[in-house]
Amino acid sequence: MFGINLWEFLVLLLIALAVFGPDKLPDVARQAGRMIRTGRTMLNNARSELNQELGSDFSDLDIRDLDPRRAVKKYVFDVMDEDEDEESSNGTGPGKEPLGVGERPPYDYDAT
């Protein structure tokens, strides 16, 4: 979940044992579990309230899509890949018609 393997978890456990001591460690673990459970409940409540407020139009909205990196990947790069796939399946795309024999390529005088 957090990218922690077994050895890293054991090191963290030993550090927690040294910092809090064997007497307070169960209470600290209990409080951490309660905090995570409360945070998860708050997140689920916020997600359900958002879905209720937005209505049925946004029923398929995923909260993770609001991350700018994911949004750009989903709405820009994936669409560009689909366009390239369509052009490659057609063999030609806009501006990709082959030139005839002796035909000069187009030249835009306003752009240069």
Foldseek 3Di string as FASTA:
>chain_A
DPPDDDVNVVVVVVVLCVVQNPVCVVVVVVVVVVVVVVVVVVVVVVVVVVDVVVDPVCVVPDPVCVPVVNVCCVPPVVVVVVVVVVCVVVVHDVPRDDDDVPDDRDDDPVVD
